[in-house]
PDB file of N, CA and C in Angstrom:
ATOM      1  N   MET A   1      19.536  21.599   0.424  1.00  0.00           N
ATOM      2  CA  MET A   1      19.327  20.286   1.013  1.00  0.00           C
ATOM      3  C   MET A   1      17.825  20.003   1.089  1.00  0.00           C
ATOM      4  N   SER A   2      17.448  18.841   0.652  1.00  0.00           N
ATOM      5  CA  SER A   2      16.045  18.458   0.623  1.00  0.00           C
ATOM      6  C   SER A   2      15.706  17.619   1.855  1.00  0.00           C
ATOM      7  N   LEU A   3      14.594  17.923   2.474  1.00  0.00           N
ATOM      8  CA  LEU A   3      14.128  17.176   3.623  1.00  0.00           C
ATOM      9  C   LEU A   3      13.423  15.912   3.147  1.00  0.00           C
ATOM     10  N   LEU A   4      13.796  14.770   3.697  1.00  0.00           N
ATOM     11  CA  LEU A   4      13.127  13.515   3.375  1.00  0.00           C
ATOM     12  C   LEU A   4      12.329  13.047   4.588  1.00  0.00           C
ATOM     13  N   LEU A   5      11.253  12.364   4.324  1.00  0.00           N
ATOM     14  CA  LEU A   5      10.402  11.802   5.377  1.00  0.00           C
ATOM     15  C   LEU A   5      10.673  10.310   5.473  1.00  0.00           C
ATOM     16  N   ARG A   6      10.774   9.804   6.675  1.00  0.00           N
ATOM     17  CA  ARG A   6      10.959   8.371   6.884  1.00  0.00           C
ATOM     18  C   ARG A   6       9.588   7.738   7.044  1.00  0.00           C
ATOM     19  N   VAL A   7       9.293   6.741   6.204  1.00  0.00           N
ATOM     20  CA  VAL A   7       8.055   5.966   6.302  1.00  0.00           C
ATOM     21  C   VAL A   7       8.438   4.492   6.339  1.00  0.00           C
ATOM     22  N   PHE A   8       7.496   3.666   6.689  1.00  0.00           N
ATOM     23  CA  PHE A   8       7.763   2.236   6.806  1.00  0.00           C
ATOM     24  C   PHE A   8       6.716   1.458   6.028  1.00  0.00           C
ATOM     25  N   ILE A   9       7.188   0.560   5.174  1.00  0.00           N
ATOM     26  CA  ILE A   9       6.294  -0.303   4.406  1.00  0.00           C
ATOM     27  C   ILE A   9       6.692  -1.744   4.685  1.00  0.00           C
ATOM     28  N   ASP A  10       5.765  -2.507   5.204  1.00  0.00           N
ATOM     29  CA  ASP A  10       6.021  -3.900   5.582  1.00  0.00           C
ATOM     30  C   ASP A  10       7.288  -4.038   6.431  1.00  0.00           C
ATOM     31  N   GLY A  11       7.484  -3.079   7.350  1.00  0.00           N
ATOM     32  CA  GLY A  11       8.605  -3.146   8.280  1.00  0.00           C
ATOM     33  C   GLY A  11       9.921  -2.617   7.743  1.00  0.00           C
ATOM     34  N   THR A  12       9.948  -2.163   6.505  1.00  0.00           N
ATOM     35  CA  THR A  12      11.172  -1.641   5.905  1.00  0.00           C
ATOM     36  C   THR A  12      11.116  -0.117   5.872  1.00  0.00           C
ATOM     37  N   GLY A  13      12.149   0.532   6.405  1.00  0.00           N
ATOM     38  CA  GLY A  13      12.218   1.983   6.376  1.00  0.00           C
ATOM     39  C   GLY A  13      12.542   2.481   4.978  1.00  0.00           C
ATOM     40  N   LEU A  14      11.914   3.584   4.619  1.00  0.00           N
ATOM     41  CA  LEU A  14      12.087   4.172   3.295  1.00  0.00           C
ATOM     42  C   LEU A  14      12.063   5.690   3.450  1.00  0.00           C
ATOM     43  N   ASP A  15      13.016   6.382   2.837  1.00  0.00           N
ATOM     44  CA  ASP A  15      13.053   7.842   2.869  1.00  0.00           C
ATOM     45  C   ASP A  15      12.418   8.374   1.594  1.00  0.00           C
ATOM     46  N   VAL A  16      11.393   9.203   1.754  1.00  0.00           N
ATOM     47  CA  VAL A  16      10.648   9.735   0.608  1.00  0.00           C
ATOM     48  C   VAL A  16      10.559  11.253   0.719  1.00  0.00           C
ATOM     49  N   PRO A  17      10.440  11.946  -0.419  1.00  0.00           N
ATOM     50  CA  PRO A  17      10.273  13.397  -0.355  1.00  0.00           C
ATOM     51  C   PRO A  17       8.874  13.774   0.148  1.00  0.00           C
ATOM     52  N   PRO A  18       8.741  14.957   0.735  1.00  0.00           N
ATOM     53  CA  PRO A  18       7.411  15.418   1.165  1.00  0.00           C
ATOM     54  C   PRO A  18       6.444  15.424  -0.020  1.00  0.00           C
ATOM     55  N   GLY A  19       5.195  15.076   0.253  1.00  0.00           N
ATOM     56  CA  GLY A  19       4.181  15.046  -0.794  1.00  0.00           C
ATOM     57  C   GLY A  19       4.075  13.721  -1.520  1.00  0.00           C
ATOM     58  N   THR A  20       4.912  12.757  -1.151  1.00  0.00           N
ATOM     59  CA  THR A  20       4.881  11.446  -1.800  1.00  0.00           C
ATOM     60  C   THR A  20       3.567  10.735  -1.486  1.00  0.00           C
ATOM     61  N   THR A  21       2.970  10.136  -2.503  1.00  0.00           N
ATOM     62  CA  THR A  21       1.729   9.392  -2.310  1.00  0.00           C
ATOM     63  C   THR A  21       2.034   7.954  -1.905  1.00  0.00           C
ATOM     64  N   VAL A  22       1.011   7.289  -1.415  1.00  0.00           N
ATOM     65  CA  VAL A  22       1.141   5.884  -1.041  1.00  0.00           C
ATOM     66  C   VAL A  22       1.625   5.072  -2.236  1.00  0.00           C
ATOM     67  N   LEU A  23       1.021   5.268  -3.400  1.00  0.00           N
ATOM     68  CA  LEU A  23       1.388   4.467  -4.569  1.00  0.00           C
ATOM     69  C   LEU A  23       2.818   4.750  -5.024  1.00  0.00           C
ATOM     70  N   THR A  24       3.243   5.998  -4.979  1.00  0.00           N
ATOM     71  CA  THR A  24       4.617   6.328  -5.361  1.00  0.00           C
ATOM     72  C   THR A  24       5.608   5.669  -4.412  1.00  0.00           C
ATOM     73  N   ALA A  25       5.321   5.719  -3.117  1.00  0.00           N
ATOM     74  CA  ALA A  25       6.187   5.059  -2.143  1.00  0.00           C
ATOM     75  C   ALA A  25       6.205   3.555  -2.372  1.00  0.00           C
ATOM     76  N   MET A  26       5.046   2.986  -2.723  1.00  0.00           N
ATOM     77  CA  MET A  26       4.994   1.551  -3.016  1.00  0.00           C
ATOM     78  C   MET A  26       5.896   1.220  -4.201  1.00  0.00           C
ATOM     79  N   HIS A  27       5.884   2.054  -5.240  1.00  0.00           N
ATOM     80  CA  HIS A  27       6.764   1.827  -6.398  1.00  0.00           C
ATOM     81  C   HIS A  27       8.229   1.888  -5.986  1.00  0.00           C
ATOM     82  N   MET A  28       8.555   2.785  -5.075  1.00  0.00           N
ATOM     83  CA  MET A  28       9.934   2.893  -4.590  1.00  0.00           C
ATOM     84  C   MET A  28      10.324   1.649  -3.787  1.00  0.00           C
ATOM     85  N   TYR A  29       9.357   1.070  -3.105  1.00  0.00           N
ATOM     86  CA  TYR A  29       9.602  -0.099  -2.256  1.00  0.00           C
ATOM     87  C   TYR A  29       9.619  -1.389  -3.070  1.00  0.00           C
ATOM     88  N   ASP A  30       8.573  -1.616  -3.867  1.00  0.00           N
ATOM     89  CA  ASP A  30       8.446  -2.858  -4.631  1.00  0.00           C
ATOM     90  C   ASP A  30       7.458  -2.624  -5.763  1.00  0.00           C
ATOM     91  N   ALA A  31       7.956  -2.581  -6.985  1.00  0.00           N
ATOM     92  CA  ALA A  31       7.117  -2.262  -8.149  1.00  0.00           C
ATOM     93  C   ALA A  31       6.015  -3.299  -8.364  1.00  0.00           C
ATOM     94  N   VAL A  32       6.291  -4.555  -8.086  1.00  0.00           N
ATOM     95  CA  VAL A  32       5.278  -5.606  -8.277  1.00  0.00           C
ATOM     96  C   VAL A  32       4.120  -5.399  -7.302  1.00  0.00           C
ATOM     97  N   LEU A  33       4.441  -5.127  -6.038  1.00  0.00           N
ATOM     98  CA  LEU A  33       3.376  -4.870  -5.056  1.00  0.00           C
ATOM     99  C   LEU A  33       2.608  -3.606  -5.421  1.00  0.00           C
ATOM    100  N   ALA A  34       3.313  -2.602  -5.915  1.00  0.00           N
ATOM    101  CA  ALA A  34       2.651  -1.356  -6.316  1.00  0.00           C
ATOM    102  C   ALA A  34       1.648  -1.625  -7.435  1.00  0.00           C
ATOM    103  N   GLU A  35       2.000  -2.460  -8.381  1.00  0.00           N
ATOM    104  CA  GLU A  35       1.078  -2.796  -9.474  1.00  0.00           C
ATOM    105  C   GLU A  35      -0.141  -3.538  -8.944  1.00  0.00           C
ATOM    106  N   ARG A  36       0.045  -4.375  -7.943  1.00  0.00           N
ATOM    107  CA  ARG A  36      -1.096  -5.082  -7.337  1.00  0.00           C
ATOM    108  C   ARG A  36      -2.032  -4.104  -6.638  1.00  0.00           C
ATOM    109  N   VAL A  37      -1.443  -3.126  -5.959  1.00  0.00           N
ATOM    110  CA  VAL A  37      -2.263  -2.100  -5.303  1.00  0.00           C
ATOM    111  C   VAL A  37      -3.014  -1.295  -6.363  1.00  0.00           C
ATOM    112  N   ALA A  38      -2.313  -0.895  -7.424  1.00  0.00           N
ATOM    113  CA  ALA A  38      -2.944  -0.114  -8.498  1.00  0.00           C
ATOM    114  C   ALA A  38      -4.059  -0.904  -9.177  1.00  0.00           C
ATOM    115  N   ALA A  39      -3.881  -2.219  -9.297  1.00  0.00           N
ATOM    116  CA  ALA A  39      -4.881  -3.070  -9.942  1.00  0.00           C
ATOM    117  C   ALA A  39      -6.034  -3.435  -9.011  1.00  0.00           C
ATOM    118  N   GLY A  40      -5.875  -3.156  -7.713  1.00  0.00           N
ATOM    119  CA  GLY A  40      -6.930  -3.479  -6.756  1.00  0.00           C
ATOM    120  C   GLY A  40      -6.872  -4.885  -6.208  1.00  0.00           C
ATOM    121  N   THR A  41      -5.814  -5.644  -6.523  1.00  0.00           N
ATOM    122  CA  THR A  41      -5.702  -7.006  -6.001  1.00  0.00           C
ATOM    123  C   THR A  41      -5.002  -7.034  -4.642  1.00  0.00           C
ATOM    124  N   ALA A  42      -4.553  -5.861  -4.186  1.00  0.00           N
ATOM    125  CA  ALA A  42      -3.989  -5.708  -2.843  1.00  0.00           C
ATOM    126  C   ALA A  42      -4.391  -4.322  -2.351  1.00  0.00           C
ATOM    127  N   TYR A  43      -4.377  -4.149  -1.033  1.00  0.00           N
ATOM    128  CA  TYR A  43      -4.677  -2.834  -0.473  1.00  0.00           C
ATOM    129  C   TYR A  43      -3.657  -2.503   0.601  1.00  0.00           C
ATOM    130  N   VAL A  44      -3.649  -1.246   1.022  1.00  0.00           N
ATOM    131  CA  VAL A  44      -2.653  -0.752   1.968  1.00  0.00           C
ATOM    132  C   VAL A  44      -3.359  -0.177   3.202  1.00  0.00           C
ATOM    133  N   PRO A  45      -3.272  -0.865   4.341  1.00  0.00           N
ATOM    134  CA  PRO A  45      -3.771  -0.281   5.586  1.00  0.00           C
ATOM    135  C   PRO A  45      -2.631   0.403   6.346  1.00  0.00           C
ATOM    136  N   ASP A  46      -3.004   1.356   7.200  1.00  0.00           N
ATOM    137  CA  ASP A  46      -2.005   2.017   8.034  1.00  0.00           C
ATOM    138  C   ASP A  46      -1.782   1.196   9.307  1.00  0.00           C
ATOM    139  N   ALA A  47      -1.044   1.749  10.245  1.00  0.00           N
ATOM    140  CA  ALA A  47      -0.715   1.026  11.478  1.00  0.00           C
ATOM    141  C   ALA A  47      -1.944   0.668  12.300  1.00  0.00           C
ATOM    142  N   ARG A  48      -3.054   1.396  12.095  1.00  0.00           N
ATOM    143  CA  ARG A  48      -4.293   1.115  12.836  1.00  0.00           C
ATOM    144  C   ARG A  48      -5.168   0.106  12.114  1.00  0.00           C
ATOM    145  N   GLY A  49      -4.757  -0.294  10.894  1.00  0.00           N
ATOM    146  CA  GLY A  49      -5.546  -1.238  10.115  1.00  0.00           C
ATOM    147  C   GLY A  49      -6.571  -0.571   9.222  1.00  0.00           C
ATOM    148  N   ILE A  50      -6.517   0.752   9.122  1.00  0.00           N
ATOM    149  CA  ILE A  50      -7.459   1.493   8.294  1.00  0.00           C
ATOM    150  C   ILE A  50      -6.880   1.620   6.887  1.00  0.00           C
ATOM    151  N   GLU A  51      -7.659   1.242   5.890  1.00  0.00           N
ATOM    152  CA  GLU A  51      -7.185   1.295   4.507  1.00  0.00           C
ATOM    153  C   GLU A  51      -6.931   2.737   4.086  1.00  0.00           C
ATOM    154  N   VAL A  52      -5.784   2.966   3.453  1.00  0.00           N
ATOM    155  CA  VAL A  52      -5.451   4.280   2.907  1.00  0.00           C
ATOM    156  C   VAL A  52      -5.484   4.185   1.386  1.00  0.00           C
ATOM    157  N   GLY A  53      -5.835   5.263   0.748  1.00  0.00           N
ATOM    158  CA  GLY A  53      -5.930   5.277  -0.705  1.00  0.00           C
ATOM    159  C   GLY A  53      -4.568   5.420  -1.363  1.00  0.00           C
ATOM    160  N   PRO A  54      -4.416   4.900  -2.573  1.00  0.00           N
ATOM    161  CA  PRO A  54      -3.137   4.982  -3.266  1.00  0.00           C
ATOM    162  C   PRO A  54      -2.697   6.421  -3.525  1.00  0.00           C
ATOM    163  N   GLY A  55      -3.631   7.346  -3.606  1.00  0.00           N
ATOM    164  CA  GLY A  55      -3.294   8.738  -3.861  1.00  0.00           C
ATOM    165  C   GLY A  55      -3.103   9.574  -2.614  1.00  0.00           C
ATOM    166  N   ASP A  56      -3.286   8.970  -1.444  1.00  0.00           N
ATOM    167  CA  ASP A  56      -3.103   9.706  -0.192  1.00  0.00           C
ATOM    168  C   ASP A  56      -1.634  10.060   0.000  1.00  0.00           C
ATOM    169  N   ARG A  57      -1.383  11.251   0.502  1.00  0.00           N
ATOM    170  CA  ARG A  57      -0.013  11.695   0.758  1.00  0.00           C
ATOM    171  C   ARG A  57       0.445  11.167   2.116  1.00  0.00           C
ATOM    172  N   LEU A  58       1.716  10.804   2.176  1.00  0.00           N
ATOM    173  CA  LEU A  58       2.283  10.236   3.391  1.00  0.00           C
ATOM    174  C   LEU A  58       2.804  11.316   4.331  1.00  0.00           C
ATOM    175  N   ALA A  59       2.760  11.022   5.611  1.00  0.00           N
ATOM    176  CA  ALA A  59       3.347  11.871   6.642  1.00  0.00           C
ATOM    177  C   ALA A  59       4.575  11.158   7.201  1.00  0.00           C
ATOM    178  N   ALA A  60       5.475  11.916   7.788  1.00  0.00           N
ATOM    179  CA  ALA A  60       6.654  11.317   8.408  1.00  0.00           C
ATOM    180  C   ALA A  60       6.220  10.285   9.443  1.00  0.00           C
ATOM    181  N   GLY A  61       6.848   9.124   9.419  1.00  0.00           N
ATOM    182  CA  GLY A  61       6.548   8.070  10.374  1.00  0.00           C
ATOM    183  C   GLY A  61       5.383   7.174   9.989  1.00  0.00           C
ATOM    184  N   SER A  62       4.822   7.380   8.803  1.00  0.00           N
ATOM    185  CA  SER A  62       3.708   6.519   8.362  1.00  0.00           C
ATOM    186  C   SER A  62       4.154   5.063   8.376  1.00  0.00           C
ATOM    187  N   ILE A  63       3.267   4.210   8.852  1.00  0.00           N
ATOM    188  CA  ILE A  63       3.526   2.769   8.883  1.00  0.00           C
ATOM    189  C   ILE A  63       2.446   2.105   8.042  1.00  0.00           C
ATOM    190  N   LEU A  64       2.879   1.449   6.978  1.00  0.00           N
ATOM    191  CA  LEU A  64       1.946   0.825   6.040  1.00  0.00           C
ATOM    192  C   LEU A  64       2.255  -0.648   5.866  1.00  0.00           C
ATOM    193  N   ARG A  65       1.245  -1.384   5.457  1.00  0.00           N
ATOM    194  CA  ARG A  65       1.400  -2.801   5.121  1.00  0.00           C
ATOM    195  C   ARG A  65       0.758  -3.018   3.767  1.00  0.00           C
ATOM    196  N   VAL A  66       1.087  -4.092   3.134  1.00  0.00           N
ATOM    197  CA  VAL A  66       0.434  -4.464   1.878  1.00  0.00           C
ATOM    198  C   VAL A  66      -0.286  -5.783   2.132  1.00  0.00           C
ATOM    199  N   VAL A  67      -1.594  -5.804   1.831  1.00  0.00           N
ATOM    200  CA  VAL A  67      -2.419  -6.974   2.116  1.00  0.00           C
ATOM    201  C   VAL A  67      -3.127  -7.397   0.832  1.00  0.00           C
ATOM    202  N   PRO A  68      -2.982  -8.669   0.434  1.00  0.00           N
ATOM    203  CA  PRO A  68      -3.717  -9.120  -0.753  1.00  0.00           C
ATOM    204  C   PRO A  68      -5.216  -9.171  -0.463  1.00  0.00           C
ATOM    205  N   ARG A  69      -5.999  -8.847  -1.462  1.00  0.00           N
ATOM    206  CA  ARG A  69      -7.460  -8.956  -1.325  1.00  0.00           C
ATOM    207  C   ARG A  69      -7.865 -10.404  -1.582  1.00  0.00           C
ATOM    208  N   ALA A  70      -8.881 -10.840  -0.868  1.00  0.00           N
ATOM    209  CA  ALA A  70      -9.402 -12.189  -1.079  1.00  0.00           C
ATOM    210  C   ALA A  70     -10.048 -12.252  -2.454  1.00  0.00           C
ATOM    211  N   ARG A  71      -9.818 -13.344  -3.144  1.00  0.00           N
ATOM    212  CA  ARG A  71     -10.440 -13.526  -4.463  1.00  0.00           C
ATOM    213  C   ARG A  71     -11.661 -14.412  -4.301  1.00  0.00           C
ATOM    214  N   ARG A  72     -12.683 -14.063  -5.031  1.00  0.00           N
ATOM    215  CA  ARG A  72     -13.899 -14.875  -5.033  1.00  0.00           C
ATOM    216  C   ARG A  72     -13.927 -15.679  -6.306  1.00  0.00           C
ATOM    217  N   GLY A  73     -14.101 -16.980  -6.149  1.00  0.00           N
ATOM    218  CA  GLY A  73     -14.120 -17.863  -7.309  1.00  0.00           C
ATOM    219  C   GLY A  73     -15.366 -17.718  -8.145  1.00  0.00           C
ATOM    220  N   GLY A  74     -16.512 -17.785  -7.513  1.00  0.00           N
ATOM    221  CA  GLY A  74     -17.772 -17.649  -8.222  1.00  0.00           C
ATOM    222  C   GLY A  74     -18.100 -18.828  -9.131  1.00  0.00           C
ATOM    223  N   GLY A  75     -17.335 -19.886  -9.008  1.00  0.00           N
ATOM    224  CA  GLY A  75     -17.555 -21.049  -9.866  1.00  0.00           C
ATOM    225  C   GLY A  75     -18.534 -22.025  -9.238  1.00  0.00           C
ATOM    226  N   PRO A  76     -18.714 -23.190  -9.866  1.00  0.00           N
ATOM    227  CA  PRO A  76     -19.604 -24.201  -9.314  1.00  0.00           C
ATOM    228  C   PRO A  76     -19.198 -24.580  -7.897  1.00  0.00           C
ATOM    229  N   GLY A  77     -20.168 -24.743  -7.067  1.00  0.00           N
ATOM    230  CA  GLY A  77     -19.909 -25.121  -5.683  1.00  0.00           C
ATOM    231  C   GLY A  77     -19.697 -23.921  -4.776  1.00  0.00           C
ATOM    232  N   ASP A  78     -19.701 -22.720  -5.331  1.00  0.00           N
ATOM    233  CA  ASP A  78     -19.549 -21.522  -4.516  1.00  0.00           C
ATOM    234  C   ASP A  78     -20.877 -21.274  -3.814  1.00  0.00           C
ATOM    235  N   ALA A  79     -20.848 -21.211  -2.498  1.00  0.00           N
ATOM    236  CA  ALA A  79     -22.067 -21.077  -1.720  1.00  0.00           C
ATOM    237  C   ALA A  79     -22.807 -19.765  -2.015  1.00  0.00           C
ATOM    238  N   ASP A  80     -22.093 -18.739  -2.468  1.00  0.00           N
ATOM    239  CA  ASP A  80     -22.722 -17.456  -2.735  1.00  0.00           C
ATOM    240  C   ASP A  80     -23.116 -17.292  -4.197  1.00  0.00           C
ATOM    241  N   ALA A  81     -22.852 -18.278  -5.007  1.00  0.00           N
ATOM    242  CA  ALA A  81     -23.124 -18.136  -6.455  1.00  0.00           C
ATOM    243  C   ALA A  81     -24.598 -18.233  -6.747  1.00  0.00           C
TER     244      ALA A  81
END
C-alpha cells in the first residue's frame, strides 16, 4: 500500500505520492495552469503568500494557489518605457 499526501491547489484537495513536486502536482490538477507556471506567466505561492518553486517538493497539507503574473506592455504611452 502506497502512502499518499493530501495537498490543496486553489482550494481543491489532491492526493499525491511523497516526493511530488509543485509542477507535477499542478499537472495533476490542471495541465493548462501547469504550462503557465512552467512558462513563467503564472506563479505558485503557499498559504503564507510566499512563492514556491516549480521543483520544490510538497509536504502533506501544502496549500497552494496559482497567480497570473502581471504583463508589462512596454508600448507607446507606457510610463516606464
